[in-house]
């Protein structure tokens, strides 16, 4: 699964997690750091990304509209890049399940 990291997360995560999630990217790499949620949503949908965010708005949008795109909502608060990486590595199996299960639209990780 390709992850698209939202502006509230470090772009360093792209390389740090490249072994698990090849093809992932960050909104800054696509001139989207100041984009609103709708623009990021449509970009992720068009390019087959799963949005990784700490923003509750994407989870709400997912509940309203469903997937695609799928959402990984990080509920870890103000965590360091290392902590976020560890959470995503620990949740890799759940993220793969999110990708393969058509009944799931988003995932919350703590």
PDB file of N, CA and C in Angstrom:
ATOM      1  N   UNK A   1       0.849  -1.169   0.000  1.00  0.00           N
ATOM      2  CA  UNK A   1       0.000   0.000   0.000  1.00  0.00           C
ATOM      3  C   UNK A   1       0.896   1.235   0.000  1.00  0.00           C
ATOM      4  N   UNK A   2       0.569   2.184  -0.853  1.00  0.00           N
ATOM      5  CA  UNK A   2       1.289   3.455  -0.903  1.00  0.00           C
ATOM      6  C   UNK A   2       0.643   4.416   0.092  1.00  0.00           C
ATOM      7  N   UNK A   3       1.459   4.990   0.949  1.00  0.00           N
ATOM      8  CA  UNK A   3       0.976   5.932   1.937  1.00  0.00           C
ATOM      9  C   UNK A   3       1.278   7.355   1.482  1.00  0.00           C
ATOM     10  N   UNK A   4       0.352   8.256   1.755  1.00  0.00           N
ATOM     11  CA  UNK A   4       0.559   9.682   1.524  1.00  0.00           C
ATOM     12  C   UNK A   4       0.512  10.354   2.885  1.00  0.00           C
ATOM     13  N   UNK A   5       1.660  10.850   3.339  1.00  0.00           N
ATOM     14  CA  UNK A   5       1.746  11.476   4.645  1.00  0.00           C
ATOM     15  C   UNK A   5       1.264  12.915   4.570  1.00  0.00           C
ATOM     16  N   UNK A   6       0.376  13.260   5.481  1.00  0.00           N
ATOM     17  CA  UNK A   6      -0.195  14.600   5.567  1.00  0.00           C
ATOM     18  C   UNK A   6       0.858  15.579   6.083  1.00  0.00           C
ATOM     19  N   UNK A   7       0.565  16.879   5.940  1.00  0.00           N
ATOM     20  CA  UNK A   7       1.536  17.910   6.305  1.00  0.00           C
ATOM     21  C   UNK A   7       1.886  17.910   7.789  1.00  0.00           C
ATOM     22  N   UNK A   8       1.060  17.319   8.625  1.00  0.00           N
ATOM     23  CA  UNK A   8       1.348  17.297  10.053  1.00  0.00           C
ATOM     24  C   UNK A   8       2.333  16.183  10.447  1.00  0.00           C
ATOM     25  N   UNK A   9       2.843  15.461   9.472  1.00  0.00           N
ATOM     26  CA  UNK A   9       3.815  14.391   9.704  1.00  0.00           C
ATOM     27  C   UNK A   9       5.100  14.683   8.940  1.00  0.00           C
ATOM     28  N   UNK A  10       6.203  14.160   9.451  1.00  0.00           N
ATOM     29  CA  UNK A  10       7.505  14.406   8.832  1.00  0.00           C
ATOM     30  C   UNK A  10       7.622  13.709   7.479  1.00  0.00           C
ATOM     31  N   UNK A  11       8.193  14.420   6.522  1.00  0.00           N
ATOM     32  CA  UNK A  11       8.444  13.805   5.214  1.00  0.00           C
ATOM     33  C   UNK A  11       9.546  12.758   5.297  1.00  0.00           C
ATOM     34  N   UNK A  12      10.311  12.727   6.389  1.00  0.00           N
ATOM     35  CA  UNK A  12      11.336  11.702   6.589  1.00  0.00           C
ATOM     36  C   UNK A  12      10.727  10.303   6.670  1.00  0.00           C
ATOM     37  N   UNK A  13       9.447  10.226   6.996  1.00  0.00           N
ATOM     38  CA  UNK A  13       8.782   8.930   7.108  1.00  0.00           C
ATOM     39  C   UNK A  13       8.748   8.183   5.781  1.00  0.00           C
ATOM     40  N   UNK A  14       8.758   8.906   4.682  1.00  0.00           N
ATOM     41  CA  UNK A  14       8.727   8.259   3.363  1.00  0.00           C
ATOM     42  C   UNK A  14       9.919   7.303   3.228  1.00  0.00           C
ATOM     43  N   UNK A  15      11.115   7.795   3.508  1.00  0.00           N
ATOM     44  CA  UNK A  15      12.305   6.947   3.402  1.00  0.00           C
ATOM     45  C   UNK A  15      12.413   5.949   4.551  1.00  0.00           C
ATOM     46  N   UNK A  16      12.038   6.387   5.736  1.00  0.00           N
ATOM     47  CA  UNK A  16      12.168   5.521   6.906  1.00  0.00           C
ATOM     48  C   UNK A  16      11.263   4.287   6.806  1.00  0.00           C
ATOM     49  N   UNK A  17      10.158   4.414   6.092  1.00  0.00           N
ATOM     50  CA  UNK A  17       9.208   3.303   5.967  1.00  0.00           C
ATOM     51  C   UNK A  17       9.154   2.723   4.558  1.00  0.00           C
ATOM     52  N   UNK A  18      10.117   3.109   3.723  1.00  0.00           N
ATOM     53  CA  UNK A  18      10.136   2.645   2.339  1.00  0.00           C
ATOM     54  C   UNK A  18      10.238   1.144   2.193  1.00  0.00           C
ATOM     55  N   UNK A  19      10.822   0.469   3.177  1.00  0.00           N
ATOM     56  CA  UNK A  19      10.926  -0.989   3.111  1.00  0.00           C
ATOM     57  C   UNK A  19       9.568  -1.668   3.264  1.00  0.00           C
ATOM     58  N   UNK A  20       8.657  -1.054   4.019  1.00  0.00           N
ATOM     59  CA  UNK A  20       7.318  -1.629   4.226  1.00  0.00           C
ATOM     60  C   UNK A  20       6.278  -1.089   3.252  1.00  0.00           C
ATOM     61  N   UNK A  21       6.443   0.181   2.883  1.00  0.00           N
ATOM     62  CA  UNK A  21       5.436   0.849   2.065  1.00  0.00           C
ATOM     63  C   UNK A  21       6.093   1.551   0.878  1.00  0.00           C
ATOM     64  N   UNK A  22       6.619   0.776  -0.073  1.00  0.00           N
ATOM     65  CA  UNK A  22       7.268   1.396  -1.237  1.00  0.00           C
ATOM     66  C   UNK A  22       6.267   2.215  -2.049  1.00  0.00           C
ATOM     67  N   UNK A  23       6.772   3.286  -2.639  1.00  0.00           N
ATOM     68  CA  UNK A  23       5.920   4.151  -3.448  1.00  0.00           C
ATOM     69  C   UNK A  23       5.190   5.204  -2.639  1.00  0.00           C
ATOM     70  N   UNK A  24       5.445   5.241  -1.344  1.00  0.00           N
ATOM     71  CA  UNK A  24       4.799   6.232  -0.494  1.00  0.00           C
ATOM     72  C   UNK A  24       5.366   7.614  -0.774  1.00  0.00           C
ATOM     73  N   UNK A  25       4.640   8.640  -0.293  1.00  0.00           N
ATOM     74  CA  UNK A  25       5.056  10.011  -0.561  1.00  0.00           C
ATOM     75  C   UNK A  25       4.540  10.933   0.545  1.00  0.00           C
ATOM     76  N   UNK A  26       4.818  12.195   0.384  1.00  0.00           N
ATOM     77  CA  UNK A  26       4.393  13.221   1.338  1.00  0.00           C
ATOM     78  C   UNK A  26       3.736  14.347   0.550  1.00  0.00           C
ATOM     79  N   UNK A  27       2.763  15.011   1.158  1.00  0.00           N
ATOM     80  CA  UNK A  27       2.053  16.070   0.438  1.00  0.00           C
ATOM     81  C   UNK A  27       2.989  17.166  -0.052  1.00  0.00           C
ATOM     82  N   UNK A  28       4.092  17.422   0.657  1.00  0.00           N
ATOM     83  CA  UNK A  28       5.038  18.450   0.225  1.00  0.00           C
ATOM     84  C   UNK A  28       5.678  18.120  -1.118  1.00  0.00           C
ATOM     85  N   UNK A  29       5.825  16.836  -1.412  1.00  0.00           N
ATOM     86  CA  UNK A  29       6.457  16.430  -2.670  1.00  0.00           C
ATOM     87  C   UNK A  29       5.545  16.651  -3.874  1.00  0.00           C
ATOM     88  N   UNK A  30       4.281  16.996  -3.618  1.00  0.00           N
ATOM     89  CA  UNK A  30       3.293  17.171  -4.684  1.00  0.00           C
ATOM     90  C   UNK A  30       2.678  18.580  -4.650  1.00  0.00           C
ATOM     91  N   UNK A  31       3.394  19.506  -4.045  1.00  0.00           N
ATOM     92  CA  UNK A  31       2.924  20.890  -3.932  1.00  0.00           C
ATOM     93  C   UNK A  31       1.568  20.991  -3.251  1.00  0.00           C
ATOM     94  N   UNK A  32       1.362  20.146  -2.223  1.00  0.00           N
ATOM     95  CA  UNK A  32       0.090  20.140  -1.501  1.00  0.00           C
ATOM     96  C   UNK A  32       0.203  20.500  -0.018  1.00  0.00           C
ATOM     97  N   UNK A  33       1.306  21.096   0.450  1.00  0.00           N
ATOM     98  CA  UNK A  33       1.410  21.320   1.898  1.00  0.00           C
ATOM     99  C   UNK A  33       0.374  22.295   2.442  1.00  0.00           C
ATOM    100  N   UNK A  34      -0.115  23.197   1.613  1.00  0.00           N
ATOM    101  CA  UNK A  34      -1.127  24.166   2.047  1.00  0.00           C
ATOM    102  C   UNK A  34      -2.504  23.835   1.480  1.00  0.00           C
ATOM    103  N   UNK A  35      -2.623  22.685   0.849  1.00  0.00           N
ATOM    104  CA  UNK A  35      -3.898  22.295   0.242  1.00  0.00           C
ATOM    105  C   UNK A  35      -4.932  21.988   1.320  1.00  0.00           C
ATOM    106  N   UNK A  36      -6.190  22.188   0.976  1.00  0.00           N
ATOM    107  CA  UNK A  36      -7.234  21.827   1.929  1.00  0.00           C
ATOM    108  C   UNK A  36      -7.492  20.321   1.859  1.00  0.00           C
ATOM    109  N   UNK A  37      -8.269  19.843   2.797  1.00  0.00           N
ATOM    110  CA  UNK A  37      -8.517  18.399   2.895  1.00  0.00           C
ATOM    111  C   UNK A  37      -9.126  17.829   1.622  1.00  0.00           C
ATOM    112  N   UNK A  38     -10.003  18.577   0.970  1.00  0.00           N
ATOM    113  CA  UNK A  38     -10.642  18.091  -0.256  1.00  0.00           C
ATOM    114  C   UNK A  38      -9.619  17.860  -1.364  1.00  0.00           C
ATOM    115  N   UNK A  39      -8.673  18.768  -1.495  1.00  0.00           N
ATOM    116  CA  UNK A  39      -7.644  18.626  -2.528  1.00  0.00           C
ATOM    117  C   UNK A  39      -6.748  17.417  -2.247  1.00  0.00           C
ATOM    118  N   UNK A  40      -6.373  17.243  -1.002  1.00  0.00           N
ATOM    119  CA  UNK A  40      -5.537  16.089  -0.636  1.00  0.00           C
ATOM    120  C   UNK A  40      -6.318  14.798  -0.849  1.00  0.00           C
ATOM    121  N   UNK A  41      -7.577  14.798  -0.467  1.00  0.00           N
ATOM    122  CA  UNK A  41      -8.456  13.630  -0.652  1.00  0.00           C
ATOM    123  C   UNK A  41      -8.515  13.240  -2.130  1.00  0.00           C
ATOM    124  N   UNK A  42      -8.774  14.208  -2.997  1.00  0.00           N
ATOM    125  CA  UNK A  42      -8.896  13.926  -4.426  1.00  0.00           C
ATOM    126  C   UNK A  42      -7.561  13.480  -5.024  1.00  0.00           C
ATOM    127  N   UNK A  43      -6.468  14.072  -4.584  1.00  0.00           N
ATOM    128  CA  UNK A  43      -5.155  13.647  -5.057  1.00  0.00           C
ATOM    129  C   UNK A  43      -4.893  12.195  -4.657  1.00  0.00           C
ATOM    130  N   UNK A  44      -5.130  11.864  -3.396  1.00  0.00           N
ATOM    131  CA  UNK A  44      -4.904  10.494  -2.921  1.00  0.00           C
ATOM    132  C   UNK A  44      -5.791   9.505  -3.678  1.00  0.00           C
ATOM    133  N   UNK A  45      -7.014   9.881  -3.916  1.00  0.00           N
ATOM    134  CA  UNK A  45      -7.947   9.027  -4.655  1.00  0.00           C
ATOM    135  C   UNK A  45      -7.464   8.795  -6.082  1.00  0.00           C
ATOM    136  N   UNK A  46      -7.019   9.858  -6.741  1.00  0.00           N
ATOM    137  CA  UNK A  46      -6.586   9.774  -8.141  1.00  0.00           C
ATOM    138  C   UNK A  46      -5.311   8.952  -8.311  1.00  0.00           C
ATOM    139  N   UNK A  47      -4.431   8.996  -7.315  1.00  0.00           N
ATOM    140  CA  UNK A  47      -3.130   8.326  -7.438  1.00  0.00           C
ATOM    141  C   UNK A  47      -2.996   7.103  -6.536  1.00  0.00           C
ATOM    142  N   UNK A  48      -4.115   6.612  -6.033  1.00  0.00           N
ATOM    143  CA  UNK A  48      -4.167   5.358  -5.280  1.00  0.00           C
ATOM    144  C   UNK A  48      -3.281   5.368  -4.034  1.00  0.00           C
ATOM    145  N   UNK A  49      -3.372   6.443  -3.258  1.00  0.00           N
ATOM    146  CA  UNK A  49      -2.673   6.539  -1.983  1.00  0.00           C
ATOM    147  C   UNK A  49      -3.645   6.303  -0.836  1.00  0.00           C
ATOM    148  N   UNK A  50      -3.112   5.847   0.262  1.00  0.00           N
ATOM    149  CA  UNK A  50      -3.800   5.822   1.548  1.00  0.00           C
ATOM    150  C   UNK A  50      -3.266   7.010   2.335  1.00  0.00           C
ATOM    151  N   UNK A  51      -4.134   7.864   2.846  1.00  0.00           N
ATOM    152  CA  UNK A  51      -3.707   9.051   3.586  1.00  0.00           C
ATOM    153  C   UNK A  51      -3.376   8.674   5.022  1.00  0.00           C
ATOM    154  N   UNK A  52      -2.202   9.088   5.479  1.00  0.00           N
ATOM    155  CA  UNK A  52      -1.801   8.911   6.874  1.00  0.00           C
ATOM    156  C   UNK A  52      -1.798  10.293   7.506  1.00  0.00           C
ATOM    157  N   UNK A  53      -2.547  10.448   8.580  1.00  0.00           N
ATOM    158  CA  UNK A  53      -2.758  11.771   9.150  1.00  0.00           C
ATOM    159  C   UNK A  53      -2.988  11.696  10.649  1.00  0.00           C
ATOM    160  N   UNK A  54      -2.846  12.836  11.294  1.00  0.00           N
ATOM    161  CA  UNK A  54      -3.260  12.993  12.696  1.00  0.00           C
ATOM    162  C   UNK A  54      -4.511  13.861  12.762  1.00  0.00           C
ATOM    163  N   UNK A  55      -5.077  14.169  11.625  1.00  0.00           N
ATOM    164  CA  UNK A  55      -6.219  15.057  11.482  1.00  0.00           C
ATOM    165  C   UNK A  55      -7.525  14.261  11.502  1.00  0.00           C
ATOM    166  N   UNK A  56      -8.370  14.533  12.474  1.00  0.00           N
ATOM    167  CA  UNK A  56      -9.645  13.826  12.596  1.00  0.00           C
ATOM    168  C   UNK A  56     -10.568  14.086  11.412  1.00  0.00           C
ATOM    169  N   UNK A  57     -10.359  15.197  10.702  1.00  0.00           N
ATOM    170  CA  UNK A  57     -11.238  15.542   9.577  1.00  0.00           C
ATOM    171  C   UNK A  57     -11.237  14.474   8.490  1.00  0.00           C
ATOM    172  N   UNK A  58     -10.092  13.849   8.243  1.00  0.00           N
ATOM    173  CA  UNK A  58     -10.044  12.806   7.211  1.00  0.00           C
ATOM    174  C   UNK A  58     -10.841  11.567   7.631  1.00  0.00           C
ATOM    175  N   UNK A  59     -10.784  11.218   8.908  1.00  0.00           N
ATOM    176  CA  UNK A  59     -11.582  10.081   9.391  1.00  0.00           C
ATOM    177  C   UNK A  59     -13.068  10.396   9.254  1.00  0.00           C
ATOM    178  N   UNK A  60     -13.463  11.626   9.565  1.00  0.00           N
ATOM    179  CA  UNK A  60     -14.854  12.037   9.402  1.00  0.00           C
ATOM    180  C   UNK A  60     -15.282  11.966   7.941  1.00  0.00           C
ATOM    181  N   UNK A  61     -14.440  12.454   7.066  1.00  0.00           N
ATOM    182  CA  UNK A  61     -14.731  12.420   5.625  1.00  0.00           C
ATOM    183  C   UNK A  61     -14.884  10.970   5.160  1.00  0.00           C
ATOM    184  N   UNK A  62     -14.036  10.102   5.687  1.00  0.00           N
ATOM    185  CA  UNK A  62     -14.100   8.694   5.329  1.00  0.00           C
ATOM    186  C   UNK A  62     -15.419   8.068   5.779  1.00  0.00           C
ATOM    187  N   UNK A  63     -15.880   8.452   6.968  1.00  0.00           N
ATOM    188  CA  UNK A  63     -17.165   7.941   7.455  1.00  0.00           C
ATOM    189  C   UNK A  63     -18.312   8.413   6.569  1.00  0.00           C
ATOM    190  N   UNK A  64     -18.199   9.624   6.039  1.00  0.00           N
ATOM    191  CA  UNK A  64     -19.255  10.169   5.186  1.00  0.00           C
ATOM    192  C   UNK A  64     -19.237   9.598   3.778  1.00  0.00           C
ATOM    193  N   UNK A  65     -18.032   9.503   3.193  1.00  0.00           N
ATOM    194  CA  UNK A  65     -17.926   9.172   1.773  1.00  0.00           C
ATOM    195  C   UNK A  65     -17.358   7.790   1.489  1.00  0.00           C
ATOM    196  N   UNK A  66     -16.773   7.154   2.497  1.00  0.00           N
ATOM    197  CA  UNK A  66     -16.159   5.853   2.270  1.00  0.00           C
ATOM    198  C   UNK A  66     -14.872   5.969   1.469  1.00  0.00           C
ATOM    199  N   UNK A  67     -14.332   4.840   1.130  1.00  0.00           N
ATOM    200  CA  UNK A  67     -13.079   4.781   0.374  1.00  0.00           C
ATOM    201  C   UNK A  67     -13.389   4.594  -1.109  1.00  0.00           C
ATOM    202  N   UNK A  68     -12.484   4.915  -1.980  1.00  0.00           N
ATOM    203  CA  UNK A  68     -11.141   5.436  -1.731  1.00  0.00           C
ATOM    204  C   UNK A  68     -11.158   6.938  -1.491  1.00  0.00           C
ATOM    205  N   UNK A  69     -10.106   7.466  -0.934  1.00  0.00           N
ATOM    206  CA  UNK A  69      -8.925   6.772  -0.425  1.00  0.00           C
ATOM    207  C   UNK A  69      -9.187   6.224   0.972  1.00  0.00           C
ATOM    208  N   UNK A  70      -8.369   5.290   1.352  1.00  0.00           N
ATOM    209  CA  UNK A  70      -8.413   4.776   2.712  1.00  0.00           C
ATOM    210  C   UNK A  70      -7.569   5.695   3.588  1.00  0.00           C
ATOM    211  N   UNK A  71      -7.858   5.658   4.889  1.00  0.00           N
ATOM    212  CA  UNK A  71      -7.235   6.574   5.834  1.00  0.00           C
ATOM    213  C   UNK A  71      -6.610   5.793   6.990  1.00  0.00           C
ATOM    214  N   UNK A  72      -5.391   6.181   7.357  1.00  0.00           N
ATOM    215  CA  UNK A  72      -4.788   5.733   8.607  1.00  0.00           C
ATOM    216  C   UNK A  72      -4.723   6.961   9.496  1.00  0.00           C
ATOM    217  N   UNK A  73      -5.504   6.921  10.570  1.00  0.00           N
ATOM    218  CA  UNK A  73      -5.592   8.039  11.496  1.00  0.00           C
ATOM    219  C   UNK A  73      -4.727   7.732  12.709  1.00  0.00           C
ATOM    220  N   UNK A  74      -3.664   8.494  12.877  1.00  0.00           N
ATOM    221  CA  UNK A  74      -2.752   8.312  14.003  1.00  0.00           C
ATOM    222  C   UNK A  74      -3.283   9.091  15.201  1.00  0.00           C
ATOM    223  N   UNK A  75      -3.573   8.376  16.274  1.00  0.00           N
ATOM    224  CA  UNK A  75      -4.157   8.974  17.467  1.00  0.00           C
ATOM    225  C   UNK A  75      -3.120   9.087  18.579  1.00  0.00           C
ATOM    226  N   UNK A  76      -1.893   9.387  18.219  1.00  0.00           N
ATOM    227  CA  UNK A  76      -0.781   9.379  19.171  1.00  0.00           C
ATOM    228  C   UNK A  76      -0.422  10.759  19.700  1.00  0.00           C
ATOM    229  N   UNK A  77      -1.166  11.781  19.317  1.00  0.00           N
ATOM    230  CA  UNK A  77      -0.855  13.123  19.791  1.00  0.00           C
ATOM    231  C   UNK A  77       0.447  13.636  19.205  1.00  0.00           C
ATOM    232  N   UNK A  78       1.100  14.499  19.926  1.00  0.00           N
ATOM    233  CA  UNK A  78       2.328  15.127  19.456  1.00  0.00           C
ATOM    234  C   UNK A  78       3.502  14.175  19.670  1.00  0.00           C
ATOM    235  N   UNK A  79       3.693  13.258  18.746  1.00  0.00           N
ATOM    236  CA  UNK A  79       4.734  12.234  18.847  1.00  0.00           C
ATOM    237  C   UNK A  79       5.901  12.576  17.930  1.00  0.00           C
ATOM    238  N   UNK A  80       7.073  12.100  18.289  1.00  0.00           N
ATOM    239  CA  UNK A  80       8.257  12.317  17.456  1.00  0.00           C
ATOM    240  C   UNK A  80       8.169  11.465  16.190  1.00  0.00           C
ATOM    241  N   UNK A  81       9.011  11.778  15.231  1.00  0.00           N
ATOM    242  CA  UNK A  81       9.063  11.005  13.994  1.00  0.00           C
ATOM    243  C   UNK A  81       9.405   9.548  14.290  1.00  0.00           C
ATOM    244  N   UNK A  82      10.310   9.315  15.213  1.00  0.00           N
ATOM    245  CA  UNK A  82      10.680   7.942  15.590  1.00  0.00           C
ATOM    246  C   UNK A  82       9.476   7.214  16.174  1.00  0.00           C
ATOM    247  N   UNK A  83       8.726   7.879  17.032  1.00  0.00           N
ATOM    248  CA  UNK A  83       7.539   7.253  17.629  1.00  0.00           C
ATOM    249  C   UNK A  83       6.491   6.936  16.560  1.00  0.00           C
ATOM    250  N   UNK A  84       6.279   7.865  15.638  1.00  0.00           N
ATOM    251  CA  UNK A  84       5.313   7.631  14.559  1.00  0.00           C
ATOM    252  C   UNK A  84       5.774   6.455  13.707  1.00  0.00           C
ATOM    253  N   UNK A  85       7.056   6.401  13.394  1.00  0.00           N
ATOM    254  CA  UNK A  85       7.583   5.274  12.625  1.00  0.00           C
ATOM    255  C   UNK A  85       7.319   3.956  13.341  1.00  0.00           C
ATOM    256  N   UNK A  86       7.569   3.909  14.634  1.00  0.00           N
ATOM    257  CA  UNK A  86       7.352   2.676  15.401  1.00  0.00           C
ATOM    258  C   UNK A  86       5.875   2.277  15.419  1.00  0.00           C
ATOM    259  N   UNK A  87       4.994   3.258  15.536  1.00  0.00           N
ATOM    260  CA  UNK A  87       3.553   2.971  15.515  1.00  0.00           C
ATOM    261  C   UNK A  87       3.152   2.386  14.166  1.00  0.00           C
ATOM    262  N   UNK A  88       3.648   2.969  13.082  1.00  0.00           N
ATOM    263  CA  UNK A  88       3.301   2.465  11.752  1.00  0.00           C
ATOM    264  C   UNK A  88       3.914   1.092  11.489  1.00  0.00           C
ATOM    265  N   UNK A  89       5.125   0.870  11.965  1.00  0.00           N
ATOM    266  CA  UNK A  89       5.733  -0.459  11.814  1.00  0.00           C
ATOM    267  C   UNK A  89       4.941  -1.505  12.601  1.00  0.00           C
ATOM    268  N   UNK A  90       4.564  -1.156  13.826  1.00  0.00           N
ATOM    269  CA  UNK A  90       3.783  -2.087  14.642  1.00  0.00           C
ATOM    270  C   UNK A  90       2.410  -2.348  14.022  1.00  0.00           C
ATOM    271  N   UNK A  91       1.865  -1.356  13.328  1.00  0.00           N
ATOM    272  CA  UNK A  91       0.549  -1.491  12.714  1.00  0.00           C
ATOM    273  C   UNK A  91       0.571  -1.950  11.267  1.00  0.00           C
ATOM    274  N   UNK A  92       1.732  -2.361  10.772  1.00  0.00           N
ATOM    275  CA  UNK A  92       1.856  -2.737   9.352  1.00  0.00           C
ATOM    276  C   UNK A  92       0.870  -3.831   8.955  1.00  0.00           C
ATOM    277  N   UNK A  93       0.683  -4.803   9.800  1.00  0.00           N
ATOM    278  CA  UNK A  93      -0.274  -5.872   9.491  1.00  0.00           C
ATOM    279  C   UNK A  93      -1.697  -5.344   9.376  1.00  0.00           C
ATOM    280  N   UNK A  94      -2.058  -4.455  10.279  1.00  0.00           N
ATOM    281  CA  UNK A  94      -3.392  -3.856  10.234  1.00  0.00           C
ATOM    282  C   UNK A  94      -3.563  -2.972   9.008  1.00  0.00           C
ATOM    283  N   UNK A  95      -2.492  -2.282   8.619  1.00  0.00           N
ATOM    284  CA  UNK A  95      -2.547  -1.443   7.419  1.00  0.00           C
ATOM    285  C   UNK A  95      -2.731  -2.312   6.178  1.00  0.00           C
ATOM    286  N   UNK A  96      -2.057  -3.460   6.131  1.00  0.00           N
ATOM    287  CA  UNK A  96      -2.238  -4.385   5.005  1.00  0.00           C
ATOM    288  C   UNK A  96      -3.668  -4.926   4.980  1.00  0.00           C
ATOM    289  N   UNK A  97      -4.233  -5.188   6.158  1.00  0.00           N
ATOM    290  CA  UNK A  97      -5.625  -5.635   6.234  1.00  0.00           C
ATOM    291  C   UNK A  97      -6.558  -4.539   5.734  1.00  0.00           C
ATOM    292  N   UNK A  98      -6.276  -3.290   6.087  1.00  0.00           N
ATOM    293  CA  UNK A  98      -7.065  -2.163   5.600  1.00  0.00           C
ATOM    294  C   UNK A  98      -7.074  -2.143   4.078  1.00  0.00           C
ATOM    295  N   UNK A  99      -5.917  -2.362   3.486  1.00  0.00           N
ATOM    296  CA  UNK A  99      -5.808  -2.344   2.028  1.00  0.00           C
ATOM    297  C   UNK A  99      -6.628  -3.452   1.386  1.00  0.00           C
ATOM    298  N   UNK A 100      -6.582  -4.626   1.952  1.00  0.00           N
ATOM    299  CA  UNK A 100      -7.206  -5.783   1.296  1.00  0.00           C
ATOM    300  C   UNK A 100      -8.685  -5.972   1.629  1.00  0.00           C
ATOM    301  N   UNK A 101      -9.165  -5.345   2.683  1.00  0.00           N
ATOM    302  CA  UNK A 101     -10.549  -5.545   3.115  1.00  0.00           C
ATOM    303  C   UNK A 101     -11.441  -4.416   2.593  1.00  0.00           C
ATOM    304  N   UNK A 102     -12.307  -4.737   1.662  1.00  0.00           N
ATOM    305  CA  UNK A 102     -13.190  -3.744   1.056  1.00  0.00           C
ATOM    306  C   UNK A 102     -14.195  -3.161   2.047  1.00  0.00           C
ATOM    307  N   UNK A 103     -14.404  -3.832   3.160  1.00  0.00           N
ATOM    308  CA  UNK A 103     -15.359  -3.358   4.159  1.00  0.00           C
ATOM    309  C   UNK A 103     -14.762  -2.277   5.063  1.00  0.00           C
ATOM    310  N   UNK A 104     -13.443  -2.106   5.028  1.00  0.00           N
ATOM    311  CA  UNK A 104     -12.770  -1.128   5.886  1.00  0.00           C
ATOM    312  C   UNK A 104     -12.421   0.129   5.092  1.00  0.00           C
ATOM    313  N   UNK A 105     -12.718   1.283   5.677  1.00  0.00           N
ATOM    314  CA  UNK A 105     -12.409   2.561   5.034  1.00  0.00           C
ATOM    315  C   UNK A 105     -11.275   3.297   5.731  1.00  0.00           C
ATOM    316  N   UNK A 106     -11.165   3.100   7.057  1.00  0.00           N
ATOM    317  CA  UNK A 106     -10.090   3.769   7.775  1.00  0.00           C
ATOM    318  C   UNK A 106      -9.661   2.935   8.980  1.00  0.00           C
ATOM    319  N   UNK A 107      -8.503   3.290   9.487  1.00  0.00           N
ATOM    320  CA  UNK A 107      -7.879   2.577  10.592  1.00  0.00           C
ATOM    321  C   UNK A 107      -7.354   3.591  11.579  1.00  0.00           C
ATOM    322  N   UNK A 108      -7.585   3.352  12.860  1.00  0.00           N
ATOM    323  CA  UNK A 108      -7.025   4.206  13.910  1.00  0.00           C
ATOM    324  C   UNK A 108      -5.861   3.451  14.557  1.00  0.00           C
ATOM    325  N   UNK A 109      -4.720   4.124  14.634  1.00  0.00           N
ATOM    326  CA  UNK A 109      -3.555   3.556  15.305  1.00  0.00           C
ATOM    327  C   UNK A 109      -3.165   4.461  16.455  1.00  0.00           C
ATOM    328  N   UNK A 110      -2.762   3.835  17.578  1.00  0.00           N
ATOM    329  CA  UNK A 110      -2.365   4.575  18.781  1.00  0.00           C
ATOM    330  C   UNK A 110      -0.919   4.331  19.090  1.00  0.00           C
TER     331      UNK A 110
END
